[in-house]
Amino acid sequence: MKRTMMFLLLGLMFASAAGAEEREFVYNDHGARDPFWPLVTEGGALVNYDTNFTVSEMTLEGVIEDGRGGLAIINGTVVETGKHIGQYIVQKIRPDGVILEKDGKTIELRLKKEE
């Protein structure tokens, strides 16, 4: 009797597990940093992932061209093509500016010329 009851319970467990629908998991970051983004760059600098950056708060302080895409300094943070600065992704680094992308929209930061 105990054995029959045990098999009946196991059967019910497997039947309910097989009938369960698989739902796609969607991670809600609640405005926090993505846990898979690195905290330190390969060069050892801390990465700043402030999520509240607006373009008007960003200052392009310098551009370094090295023939491989270059580096840019934005708000004191060194970035390269494909890396994040806040919620923006650096798309392209030019001698006079940087193209950023966020939510499919591109924005250009330009170097201010000294007078």
N, C-alpha and C. Protein backbone atom coordinates (compact mmCIF):
# COMPACT_ATOMS: atom_id res chain seq x y z
N MET A 1 0.82 -1.19 0.00
CA MET A 1 0.00 0.00 0.00
C MET A 1 0.87 1.26 0.00
N LYS A 2 1.91 1.25 0.86
CA LYS A 2 2.80 2.41 0.91
C LYS A 2 3.53 2.59 -0.40
N ARG A 3 3.91 1.47 -0.98
CA ARG A 3 4.63 1.52 -2.25
C ARG A 3 3.73 2.07 -3.35
N THR A 4 2.50 1.67 -3.39
CA THR A 4 1.55 2.15 -4.38
C THR A 4 1.32 3.65 -4.22
N MET A 5 1.20 4.09 -2.96
CA MET A 5 0.98 5.51 -2.68
C MET A 5 2.19 6.34 -3.13
N MET A 6 3.39 5.80 -2.90
CA MET A 6 4.60 6.50 -3.29
C MET A 6 4.67 6.64 -4.81
N PHE A 7 4.36 5.58 -5.56
CA PHE A 7 4.37 5.63 -7.02
C PHE A 7 3.30 6.60 -7.53
N LEU A 8 2.17 6.64 -6.86
CA LEU A 8 1.10 7.55 -7.26
C LEU A 8 1.55 9.00 -7.08
N LEU A 9 2.19 9.30 -5.95
CA LEU A 9 2.69 10.65 -5.71
C LEU A 9 3.78 11.05 -6.70
N LEU A 10 4.70 10.11 -6.98
CA LEU A 10 5.75 10.40 -7.97
C LEU A 10 5.16 10.65 -9.35
N GLY A 11 4.18 9.86 -9.71
CA GLY A 11 3.50 10.04 -11.00
C GLY A 11 2.84 11.39 -11.11
N LEU A 12 2.18 11.82 -10.04
CA LEU A 12 1.54 13.13 -10.04
C LEU A 12 2.56 14.26 -10.14
N MET A 13 3.70 14.10 -9.47
CA MET A 13 4.74 15.13 -9.53
C MET A 13 5.29 15.26 -10.95
N PHE A 14 5.57 14.12 -11.60
CA PHE A 14 6.10 14.18 -12.96
C PHE A 14 5.07 14.70 -13.94
N ALA A 15 3.82 14.36 -13.75
CA ALA A 15 2.76 14.83 -14.65
C ALA A 15 2.59 16.34 -14.53
N SER A 16 2.64 16.85 -13.31
CA SER A 16 2.49 18.29 -13.15
C SER A 16 3.70 19.04 -13.67
N ALA A 17 4.89 18.47 -13.53
CA ALA A 17 6.10 19.11 -14.03
C ALA A 17 6.11 19.11 -15.56
N ALA A 18 5.63 18.04 -16.17
CA ALA A 18 5.62 17.95 -17.63
C ALA A 18 4.60 18.91 -18.23
N GLY A 19 3.53 19.17 -17.51
CA GLY A 19 2.48 20.04 -18.02
C GLY A 19 2.74 21.51 -17.76
N ALA A 20 3.75 21.82 -16.99
CA ALA A 20 4.04 23.21 -16.68
C ALA A 20 4.57 23.93 -17.91
N GLU A 21 4.09 25.14 -18.12
CA GLU A 21 4.54 25.92 -19.27
C GLU A 21 5.89 26.56 -18.98
N GLU A 22 6.74 26.59 -20.00
CA GLU A 22 8.01 27.29 -19.86
C GLU A 22 7.78 28.74 -20.25
N ARG A 23 8.14 29.65 -19.35
CA ARG A 23 8.02 31.07 -19.64
C ARG A 23 9.40 31.65 -19.80
N GLU A 24 9.53 32.60 -20.72
CA GLU A 24 10.81 33.26 -20.92
C GLU A 24 11.11 34.17 -19.74
N PHE A 25 12.32 34.05 -19.21
CA PHE A 25 12.72 34.86 -18.07
C PHE A 25 13.20 36.21 -18.58
N VAL A 26 12.71 37.27 -17.98
CA VAL A 26 13.13 38.62 -18.31
C VAL A 26 13.67 39.25 -17.04
N TYR A 27 14.93 39.67 -17.09
CA TYR A 27 15.58 40.27 -15.92
C TYR A 27 15.17 41.73 -15.79
N ASN A 28 14.67 42.11 -14.64
CA ASN A 28 14.32 43.49 -14.35
C ASN A 28 15.42 44.06 -13.46
N ASP A 29 16.20 44.99 -14.00
CA ASP A 29 17.34 45.52 -13.24
C ASP A 29 16.95 46.62 -12.25
N HIS A 30 15.70 47.06 -12.28
CA HIS A 30 15.22 48.11 -11.38
C HIS A 30 16.14 49.33 -11.39
N GLY A 31 16.71 49.62 -12.54
CA GLY A 31 17.58 50.79 -12.69
C GLY A 31 18.99 50.59 -12.18
N ALA A 32 19.34 49.38 -11.78
CA ALA A 32 20.68 49.11 -11.25
C ALA A 32 21.63 48.70 -12.37
N ARG A 33 22.91 48.62 -12.05
CA ARG A 33 23.92 48.21 -13.01
C ARG A 33 23.70 46.75 -13.42
N ASP A 34 23.89 46.46 -14.69
CA ASP A 34 23.81 45.09 -15.17
C ASP A 34 24.90 44.28 -14.48
N PRO A 35 24.57 43.18 -13.81
CA PRO A 35 25.59 42.43 -13.06
C PRO A 35 26.65 41.78 -13.93
N PHE A 36 26.44 41.75 -15.24
CA PHE A 36 27.42 41.14 -16.13
C PHE A 36 28.40 42.15 -16.72
N TRP A 37 28.20 43.44 -16.47
CA TRP A 37 29.14 44.45 -16.92
C TRP A 37 30.34 44.44 -15.99
N PRO A 38 31.53 44.59 -16.52
CA PRO A 38 32.73 44.57 -15.66
C PRO A 38 32.81 45.81 -14.78
N LEU A 39 33.43 45.66 -13.63
CA LEU A 39 33.61 46.79 -12.72
C LEU A 39 34.94 47.50 -12.94
N VAL A 40 35.89 46.81 -13.60
CA VAL A 40 37.22 47.36 -13.84
C VAL A 40 37.58 47.10 -15.30
N THR A 41 38.20 48.09 -15.95
CA THR A 41 38.63 47.92 -17.34
C THR A 41 39.87 47.03 -17.37
N GLU A 42 40.24 46.61 -18.58
CA GLU A 42 41.44 45.79 -18.74
C GLU A 42 42.69 46.53 -18.28
N GLY A 43 42.65 47.87 -18.35
CA GLY A 43 43.78 48.68 -17.90
C GLY A 43 43.80 48.94 -16.41
N GLY A 44 42.77 48.46 -15.69
CA GLY A 44 42.74 48.60 -14.25
C GLY A 44 41.95 49.80 -13.73
N ALA A 45 41.34 50.58 -14.63
CA ALA A 45 40.56 51.73 -14.19
C ALA A 45 39.15 51.29 -13.79
N LEU A 46 38.59 51.97 -12.81
CA LEU A 46 37.22 51.67 -12.40
C LEU A 46 36.25 52.16 -13.48
N VAL A 47 35.24 51.36 -13.75
CA VAL A 47 34.24 51.72 -14.74
C VAL A 47 33.10 52.42 -14.03
N ASN A 48 32.65 53.54 -14.57
CA ASN A 48 31.55 54.30 -13.99
C ASN A 48 30.29 54.01 -14.80
N TYR A 49 29.31 53.39 -14.15
CA TYR A 49 28.06 53.05 -14.82
C TYR A 49 26.89 53.88 -14.33
N ASP A 50 27.14 55.16 -14.03
CA ASP A 50 26.03 56.01 -13.62
C ASP A 50 24.94 55.92 -14.66
N THR A 51 23.75 55.55 -14.23
CA THR A 51 22.65 55.36 -15.17
C THR A 51 21.87 56.64 -15.40
N ASN A 52 22.18 57.69 -14.66
CA ASN A 52 21.42 58.92 -14.78
C ASN A 52 22.10 59.96 -15.68
N PHE A 53 23.15 59.56 -16.40
CA PHE A 53 23.81 60.49 -17.32
C PHE A 53 22.83 60.95 -18.37
N THR A 54 22.84 62.24 -18.64
CA THR A 54 22.18 62.74 -19.83
C THR A 54 23.29 63.31 -20.72
N VAL A 55 23.00 63.50 -21.96
CA VAL A 55 24.03 63.99 -22.88
C VAL A 55 24.53 65.35 -22.44
N SER A 56 23.64 66.17 -21.90
CA SER A 56 24.06 67.51 -21.47
C SER A 56 25.01 67.46 -20.28
N GLU A 57 25.04 66.33 -19.55
CA GLU A 57 25.96 66.18 -18.42
C GLU A 57 27.30 65.58 -18.83
N MET A 58 27.42 65.17 -20.09
CA MET A 58 28.66 64.55 -20.56
C MET A 58 29.55 65.59 -21.20
N THR A 59 30.84 65.47 -20.91
CA THR A 59 31.83 66.35 -21.51
C THR A 59 32.90 65.49 -22.15
N LEU A 60 33.10 65.69 -23.44
CA LEU A 60 34.19 65.01 -24.13
C LEU A 60 35.45 65.82 -23.86
N GLU A 61 36.35 65.24 -23.08
CA GLU A 61 37.54 65.96 -22.62
C GLU A 61 38.77 65.72 -23.49
N GLY A 62 38.77 64.62 -24.24
CA GLY A 62 39.92 64.34 -25.08
C GLY A 62 39.71 63.13 -25.96
N VAL A 63 40.47 63.07 -27.04
CA VAL A 63 40.43 61.95 -27.98
C VAL A 63 41.87 61.54 -28.27
N ILE A 64 42.12 60.26 -28.25
CA ILE A 64 43.44 59.72 -28.58
C ILE A 64 43.25 58.76 -29.75
N GLU A 65 43.89 59.05 -30.87
CA GLU A 65 43.80 58.17 -32.01
C GLU A 65 45.02 57.26 -32.04
N ASP A 66 44.75 55.97 -32.20
CA ASP A 66 45.86 55.01 -32.24
C ASP A 66 45.83 54.14 -33.49
N GLY A 67 44.95 54.47 -34.44
CA GLY A 67 44.86 53.69 -35.66
C GLY A 67 44.00 52.45 -35.55
N ARG A 68 43.54 52.13 -34.34
CA ARG A 68 42.69 50.95 -34.13
C ARG A 68 41.32 51.34 -33.59
N GLY A 69 40.92 52.57 -33.74
CA GLY A 69 39.63 53.00 -33.24
C GLY A 69 39.74 54.09 -32.20
N GLY A 70 40.85 54.16 -31.52
CA GLY A 70 41.12 55.24 -30.59
C GLY A 70 40.48 55.08 -29.23
N LEU A 71 40.75 56.08 -28.41
CA LEU A 71 40.21 56.16 -27.06
C LEU A 71 39.64 57.56 -26.88
N ALA A 72 38.67 57.68 -25.99
CA ALA A 72 38.11 58.99 -25.67
C ALA A 72 38.00 59.12 -24.16
N ILE A 73 38.07 60.35 -23.70
CA ILE A 73 37.89 60.63 -22.27
C ILE A 73 36.59 61.42 -22.13
N ILE A 74 35.61 60.78 -21.47
CA ILE A 74 34.31 61.40 -21.25
C ILE A 74 34.09 61.47 -19.74
N ASN A 75 33.92 62.67 -19.22
CA ASN A 75 33.73 62.88 -17.78
C ASN A 75 34.80 62.18 -16.95
N GLY A 76 36.03 62.21 -17.44
CA GLY A 76 37.14 61.63 -16.70
C GLY A 76 37.28 60.13 -16.85
N THR A 77 36.44 59.50 -17.64
CA THR A 77 36.49 58.05 -17.85
C THR A 77 37.01 57.76 -19.25
N VAL A 78 38.02 56.90 -19.35
CA VAL A 78 38.57 56.51 -20.65
C VAL A 78 37.70 55.41 -21.22
N VAL A 79 37.21 55.62 -22.46
CA VAL A 79 36.35 54.63 -23.12
C VAL A 79 36.91 54.33 -24.50
N GLU A 80 36.51 53.20 -25.03
CA GLU A 80 36.88 52.82 -26.39
C GLU A 80 35.63 52.35 -27.12
N THR A 81 35.72 52.17 -28.41
CA THR A 81 34.60 51.75 -29.22
C THR A 81 34.01 50.44 -28.69
N GLY A 82 32.69 50.42 -28.57
CA GLY A 82 31.99 49.24 -28.09
C GLY A 82 31.78 49.18 -26.59
N LYS A 83 32.39 50.09 -25.85
CA LYS A 83 32.27 50.10 -24.38
C LYS A 83 31.14 51.03 -23.94
N HIS A 84 30.70 50.86 -22.70
CA HIS A 84 29.62 51.66 -22.13
C HIS A 84 30.15 52.85 -21.33
N ILE A 85 29.40 53.93 -21.41
CA ILE A 85 29.57 55.06 -20.51
C ILE A 85 28.14 55.39 -20.05
N GLY A 86 27.84 55.06 -18.80
CA GLY A 86 26.46 55.14 -18.34
C GLY A 86 25.62 54.15 -19.13
N GLN A 87 24.50 54.60 -19.64
CA GLN A 87 23.64 53.74 -20.45
C GLN A 87 23.93 53.87 -21.95
N TYR A 88 24.99 54.57 -22.30
CA TYR A 88 25.34 54.80 -23.70
C TYR A 88 26.45 53.85 -24.12
N ILE A 89 26.44 53.48 -25.40
CA ILE A 89 27.49 52.64 -25.97
C ILE A 89 28.28 53.51 -26.94
N VAL A 90 29.60 53.46 -26.84
CA VAL A 90 30.47 54.22 -27.75
C VAL A 90 30.48 53.51 -29.09
N GLN A 91 29.93 54.15 -30.12
CA GLN A 91 29.85 53.56 -31.45
C GLN A 91 31.08 53.87 -32.29
N LYS A 92 31.54 55.12 -32.22
CA LYS A 92 32.68 55.52 -33.06
C LYS A 92 33.42 56.67 -32.39
N ILE A 93 34.74 56.64 -32.51
CA ILE A 93 35.57 57.72 -31.99
C ILE A 93 36.25 58.39 -33.18
N ARG A 94 36.04 59.70 -33.29
CA ARG A 94 36.63 60.49 -34.38
C ARG A 94 37.62 61.48 -33.79
N PRO A 95 38.43 62.12 -34.63
CA PRO A 95 39.39 63.10 -34.11
C PRO A 95 38.74 64.29 -33.40
N ASP A 96 37.50 64.63 -33.80
CA ASP A 96 36.84 65.80 -33.21
C ASP A 96 35.58 65.47 -32.42
N GLY A 97 35.27 64.17 -32.24
CA GLY A 97 34.05 63.83 -31.51
C GLY A 97 33.86 62.34 -31.33
N VAL A 98 32.78 62.01 -30.64
CA VAL A 98 32.43 60.63 -30.33
C VAL A 98 30.96 60.42 -30.64
N ILE A 99 30.64 59.29 -31.28
CA ILE A 99 29.25 58.94 -31.55
C ILE A 99 28.81 57.93 -30.49
N LEU A 100 27.73 58.26 -29.76
CA LEU A 100 27.18 57.38 -28.73
C LEU A 100 25.82 56.87 -29.19
N GLU A 101 25.42 55.71 -28.66
CA GLU A 101 24.12 55.14 -29.01
C GLU A 101 23.40 54.72 -27.74
N LYS A 102 22.11 55.03 -27.69
CA LYS A 102 21.26 54.60 -26.58
C LYS A 102 19.86 54.38 -27.13
N ASP A 103 19.32 53.20 -26.88
CA ASP A 103 17.97 52.86 -27.32
C ASP A 103 17.76 53.09 -28.82
N GLY A 104 18.78 52.78 -29.61
CA GLY A 104 18.67 52.91 -31.07
C GLY A 104 18.88 54.32 -31.60
N LYS A 105 19.10 55.29 -30.74
CA LYS A 105 19.31 56.67 -31.17
C LYS A 105 20.79 57.02 -31.01
N THR A 106 21.33 57.72 -32.02
CA THR A 106 22.74 58.12 -31.95
C THR A 106 22.84 59.59 -31.54
N ILE A 107 23.88 59.86 -30.78
CA ILE A 107 24.15 61.20 -30.27
C ILE A 107 25.63 61.46 -30.48
N GLU A 108 25.99 62.68 -30.84
CA GLU A 108 27.39 63.01 -31.04
C GLU A 108 27.86 64.00 -29.98
N LEU A 109 28.97 63.65 -29.33
CA LEU A 109 29.65 64.58 -28.44
C LEU A 109 30.84 65.14 -29.22
N ARG A 110 31.00 66.44 -29.18
CA ARG A 110 32.11 67.05 -29.91
C ARG A 110 33.08 67.70 -28.95
N LEU A 111 34.35 67.68 -29.36
CA LEU A 111 35.39 68.37 -28.59
C LEU A 111 35.17 69.87 -28.72
N LYS A 112 35.31 70.57 -27.62
CA LYS A 112 35.21 72.03 -27.67
C LYS A 112 36.58 72.58 -28.06
N LYS A 113 36.58 73.45 -29.03
CA LYS A 113 37.83 74.02 -29.50
C LYS A 113 38.22 75.16 -28.58
N GLU A 114 39.51 75.17 -28.22
CA GLU A 114 40.01 76.26 -27.39
C GLU A 114 40.13 77.51 -28.21
N GLU A 115 39.80 78.62 -27.62
CA GLU A 115 39.86 79.90 -28.36
C GLU A 115 41.16 80.60 -28.15
